Protein backbone atom coordinates (compact mmCIF):
# COMPACT_ATOMS: atom_id res chain seq x y z
CA UNK A 1 -25.34 12.10 -21.49
CA UNK A 2 -22.93 9.55 -22.93
CA UNK A 3 -19.19 10.17 -22.65
CA UNK A 4 -16.65 8.07 -24.53
CA UNK A 5 -13.56 7.16 -22.50
CA UNK A 6 -10.66 6.39 -24.84
CA UNK A 7 -8.19 4.17 -22.99
CA UNK A 8 -4.91 4.91 -24.73
CA UNK A 9 -2.79 1.98 -23.58
CA UNK A 10 -5.49 -0.62 -24.21
CA UNK A 11 -6.54 1.06 -27.49
CA UNK A 12 -10.12 0.67 -26.33
CA UNK A 13 -13.12 2.98 -25.96
CA UNK A 14 -15.77 2.66 -23.27
CA UNK A 15 -19.14 4.42 -23.25
CA UNK A 16 -20.38 5.74 -19.90
CA UNK A 17 -23.91 7.01 -19.45
CA UNK A 18 -23.54 9.90 -17.03
CA UNK A 19 -26.28 11.02 -14.71
CA UNK A 20 -26.44 14.70 -13.68
CA UNK A 21 -23.65 15.39 -11.20
CA UNK A 22 -21.53 12.36 -12.14
CA UNK A 23 -17.78 12.92 -12.16
CA UNK A 24 -14.99 11.24 -14.07
CA UNK A 25 -14.12 9.42 -10.87
CA UNK A 26 -17.62 7.87 -10.91
CA UNK A 27 -17.15 6.82 -14.54
CA UNK A 28 -13.73 5.29 -13.97
CA UNK A 29 -14.81 3.40 -10.86
CA UNK A 30 -17.81 1.97 -12.73
CA UNK A 31 -15.34 0.22 -15.06
CA UNK A 32 -13.05 -0.92 -12.23
CA UNK A 33 -10.38 1.67 -13.02
CA UNK A 34 -8.62 3.24 -10.04
CA UNK A 35 -8.83 7.02 -10.69
CA UNK A 36 -5.49 7.53 -8.91
CA UNK A 37 -3.68 5.54 -11.61
CA UNK A 38 -4.74 7.54 -14.68
CA UNK A 39 -4.74 11.01 -16.17
CA UNK A 40 -7.76 12.40 -18.00
CA UNK A 41 -7.37 14.68 -21.02
CA UNK A 42 -9.86 16.70 -23.06
CA UNK A 43 -8.50 18.35 -26.22
CA UNK A 44 -4.95 17.97 -24.89
CA UNK A 45 -5.68 19.59 -21.52
CA UNK A 46 -5.58 17.61 -18.28
CA UNK A 47 -8.81 17.68 -16.30
CA UNK A 48 -9.34 16.58 -12.67
CA UNK A 49 -11.07 13.32 -11.83
CA UNK A 50 -13.57 15.13 -9.60
CA UNK A 51 -14.82 17.31 -12.48
CA UNK A 52 -18.48 16.91 -13.36
CA UNK A 53 -18.82 15.24 -16.77
CA UNK A 54 -19.63 17.76 -19.51
CA UNK A 55 -17.44 16.58 -22.41
CA UNK A 56 -18.54 13.99 -24.97
CA UNK A 57 -15.16 12.22 -25.22
CA UNK A 58 -11.92 12.16 -23.20
CA UNK A 59 -8.60 10.33 -23.34
CA UNK A 60 -7.52 8.23 -20.39
CA UNK A 61 -3.79 7.60 -19.98
CA UNK A 62 -2.48 5.15 -17.41
CA UNK A 63 0.32 6.41 -15.18
CA UNK A 64 1.40 3.01 -13.89
CA UNK A 65 2.05 -0.49 -15.16
CA UNK A 66 -0.14 -3.45 -14.35
CA UNK A 67 2.53 -6.09 -14.39
């Protein structure tokens, strides 16, 4: 299954190929994103980083600055 991660602040989308049992934490870490620094939303509802990937696209919003 492919899930599209829309990074709001970077205005970028990343495709992650999820294996059965993969979580959003797995996806974020694969791109070098610390899961503790972002919020994940699906259709406007926050979802936990340890949720198994079932959605086809989510929005990722950073909760901290990188500067």
